[in-house]
Amino acid sequence: SDALTFRNPLYSVSLQFTVPLDRFAERAELAQARAQRERKDAMAASVESDQNRQIDSLCRELDLVTRALKDQREMVQQLRERMVLEEDRYGRAAQSMVNVILAGADLSSAECQLRSLEVRLRTTAWNLLKITGVGDAVPGVTIQ
């Protein structure tokens, strides 16, 4: 108790701490490296998840456009048959020219929709090839 109150000068207490700072630095670097790796892993998982969603979406789009294209081709064929029938009726003077013109307009509209669907199908297919990287493996083909 005399040493703590400094009444007796013959007693002294000394404490010495040795803290290896290099260990803290190593641990801090290790923790920082782990955190950075976890961030990179999370970002990679996010990118992969986004890519999988895009692939699923493009596959659904491809299926939808393929079905619509089949239906539209049938529609164009039916309108071509209608056009032939309307021209035949007009040739026999059974109908007026207005019906032939309307049949031709309907056919033209359906053919435009068909071409639009064909472009949509090709665009979707190319986007799918691009995102999966398959297009890069085709010699002479550049996907932009």
Protein backbone atom coordinates (compact mmCIF):
# COMPACT_ATOMS: atom_id res chain seq x y z
CA SER A 1 0.00 0.00 0.00
CA ASP A 2 3.00 2.34 0.61
CA ALA A 3 4.13 1.85 -2.96
CA LEU A 4 0.78 2.90 -4.34
CA THR A 5 0.64 6.08 -2.31
CA PHE A 6 4.34 6.82 -2.93
CA ARG A 7 5.09 7.29 0.78
CA ASN A 8 8.08 5.01 0.78
CA PRO A 9 10.63 5.87 -1.95
CA LEU A 10 12.30 2.46 -1.77
CA TYR A 11 9.44 0.70 -3.42
CA SER A 12 8.71 1.14 -7.07
CA VAL A 13 6.53 -0.66 -9.53
CA SER A 14 7.08 -0.74 -13.21
CA LEU A 15 5.05 -2.34 -15.97
CA GLN A 16 6.18 -2.97 -19.45
CA PHE A 17 3.95 -3.94 -22.38
CA THR A 18 5.23 -5.26 -25.61
CA VAL A 19 2.76 -5.16 -28.47
CA PRO A 20 3.97 -6.59 -31.73
CA LEU A 21 2.50 -4.13 -34.24
CA ASP A 22 3.36 -6.31 -37.19
CA ARG A 23 0.78 -8.88 -36.09
CA PHE A 24 -1.97 -6.27 -36.08
CA ALA A 25 -0.91 -5.11 -39.52
CA GLU A 26 -0.93 -8.67 -40.83
CA ARG A 27 -4.37 -9.30 -39.35
CA ALA A 28 -5.69 -6.05 -40.77
CA GLU A 29 -4.33 -6.89 -44.23
CA LEU A 30 -5.82 -10.36 -44.02
CA ALA A 31 -9.21 -9.00 -42.95
CA GLN A 32 -9.10 -6.44 -45.75
CA ALA A 33 -8.20 -9.12 -48.31
CA ARG A 34 -11.06 -11.32 -47.10
CA ALA A 35 -13.51 -8.43 -47.30
CA GLN A 36 -12.32 -7.57 -50.80
CA ARG A 37 -12.65 -11.21 -51.90
CA GLU A 38 -16.18 -11.38 -50.46
CA ARG A 39 -17.12 -8.19 -52.33
CA LYS A 40 -15.74 -9.61 -55.57
CA ASP A 41 -17.58 -12.91 -55.00
CA ALA A 42 -20.81 -11.05 -54.32
CA MET A 43 -20.39 -8.94 -57.45
CA ALA A 44 -19.63 -12.02 -59.53
CA ALA A 45 -22.72 -13.78 -58.16
CA SER A 46 -24.80 -10.71 -58.92
CA VAL A 47 -23.49 -10.51 -62.48
CA GLU A 48 -24.11 -14.23 -62.98
CA SER A 49 -27.61 -13.91 -61.56
CA ASP A 50 -28.35 -10.96 -63.88
CA GLN A 51 -26.98 -12.88 -66.83
CA ASN A 52 -29.14 -15.92 -65.97
CA ARG A 53 -32.21 -13.69 -65.75
CA GLN A 54 -31.39 -12.17 -69.13
CA ILE A 55 -30.91 -15.60 -70.66
CA ASP A 56 -34.25 -16.80 -69.23
CA SER A 57 -35.96 -13.68 -70.53
CA LEU A 58 -34.44 -14.06 -73.98
CA CYS A 59 -35.43 -17.74 -74.13
CA ARG A 60 -39.02 -16.85 -73.25
CA GLU A 61 -38.95 -14.08 -75.85
CA LEU A 62 -37.57 -16.49 -78.45
CA ASP A 63 -40.33 -18.98 -77.71
CA LEU A 64 -43.02 -16.29 -77.84
CA VAL A 65 -41.75 -14.84 -81.12
CA THR A 66 -41.42 -18.30 -82.68
CA ARG A 67 -45.06 -19.06 -81.90
CA ALA A 68 -46.22 -15.65 -83.11
CA LEU A 69 -44.20 -16.11 -86.30
CA LYS A 70 -45.87 -19.46 -86.99
CA ASP A 71 -49.32 -17.92 -86.49
CA GLN A 72 -48.44 -14.92 -88.66
CA ARG A 73 -47.21 -17.16 -91.50
CA GLU A 74 -50.54 -19.00 -91.41
CA MET A 75 -52.35 -15.66 -91.47
CA VAL A 76 -50.36 -14.47 -94.49
CA GLN A 77 -51.12 -17.72 -96.32
CA GLN A 78 -54.83 -17.35 -95.62
CA LEU A 79 -54.78 -13.73 -96.79
CA ARG A 80 -52.99 -14.75 -100.00
CA GLU A 81 -55.75 -17.28 -100.66
CA ARG A 82 -58.34 -14.59 -99.92
CA MET A 83 -56.57 -12.25 -102.36
CA VAL A 84 -56.73 -14.88 -105.12
CA LEU A 85 -60.43 -15.47 -104.41
CA GLU A 86 -61.25 -11.74 -104.42
CA GLU A 87 -59.41 -11.25 -107.72
CA ASP A 88 -61.28 -14.23 -109.17
CA ARG A 89 -64.64 -12.82 -108.03
CA TYR A 90 -63.79 -9.45 -109.48
CA GLY A 91 -62.77 -11.09 -112.77
CA ARG A 92 -66.19 -12.71 -112.97
CA ALA A 93 -67.77 -9.34 -112.15
CA ALA A 94 -69.25 -10.82 -109.00
CA GLN A 95 -67.70 -8.18 -106.73
CA SER A 96 -66.34 -4.67 -106.91
CA MET A 97 -62.69 -3.65 -106.98
CA VAL A 98 -63.00 -2.36 -103.38
CA ASN A 99 -62.93 -5.91 -102.01
CA VAL A 100 -59.77 -6.68 -104.02
CA ILE A 101 -58.11 -3.51 -102.71
CA LEU A 102 -59.09 -4.31 -99.11
CA ALA A 103 -57.79 -7.88 -99.46
CA GLY A 104 -54.51 -6.53 -100.86
CA ALA A 105 -54.20 -4.01 -98.01
CA ASP A 106 -54.84 -6.73 -95.42
CA LEU A 107 -52.23 -8.96 -97.07
CA SER A 108 -49.67 -6.15 -97.16
CA SER A 109 -50.23 -5.36 -93.50
CA ALA A 110 -49.90 -9.02 -92.51
CA GLU A 111 -46.67 -9.35 -94.54
CA CYS A 112 -45.22 -6.28 -92.81
CA GLN A 113 -46.06 -7.78 -89.43
CA LEU A 114 -44.45 -11.05 -90.55
CA ARG A 115 -41.22 -9.25 -91.53
CA SER A 116 -41.25 -7.39 -88.23
CA LEU A 117 -41.55 -10.67 -86.33
CA GLU A 118 -38.72 -12.19 -88.37
CA VAL A 119 -36.47 -9.25 -87.46
CA ARG A 120 -37.49 -9.59 -83.80
CA LEU A 121 -36.71 -13.31 -83.89
CA ARG A 122 -33.25 -12.73 -85.38
CA THR A 123 -32.48 -9.91 -82.96
CA THR A 124 -33.51 -12.01 -79.98
CA ALA A 125 -31.49 -14.99 -81.21
CA TRP A 126 -28.39 -12.83 -81.74
CA ASN A 127 -28.79 -11.29 -78.29
CA LEU A 128 -29.00 -14.77 -76.81
CA LEU A 129 -25.88 -15.84 -78.69
CA LYS A 130 -24.09 -12.70 -77.55
CA ILE A 131 -24.94 -13.07 -73.86
CA THR A 132 -24.05 -16.77 -73.78
CA GLY A 133 -20.80 -16.19 -75.67
CA VAL A 134 -21.68 -18.77 -78.32
CA GLY A 135 -21.55 -16.16 -81.09
CA ASP A 136 -17.91 -15.45 -80.26
CA ALA A 137 -17.06 -19.06 -81.09
CA VAL A 138 -18.52 -18.86 -84.61
CA PRO A 139 -15.70 -18.11 -87.10
CA GLY A 140 -16.25 -14.98 -89.14
CA VAL A 141 -19.17 -13.77 -87.02
CA THR A 142 -18.89 -10.63 -84.96
CA ILE A 143 -21.71 -9.77 -82.57
CA GLN A 144 -21.88 -6.18 -81.49
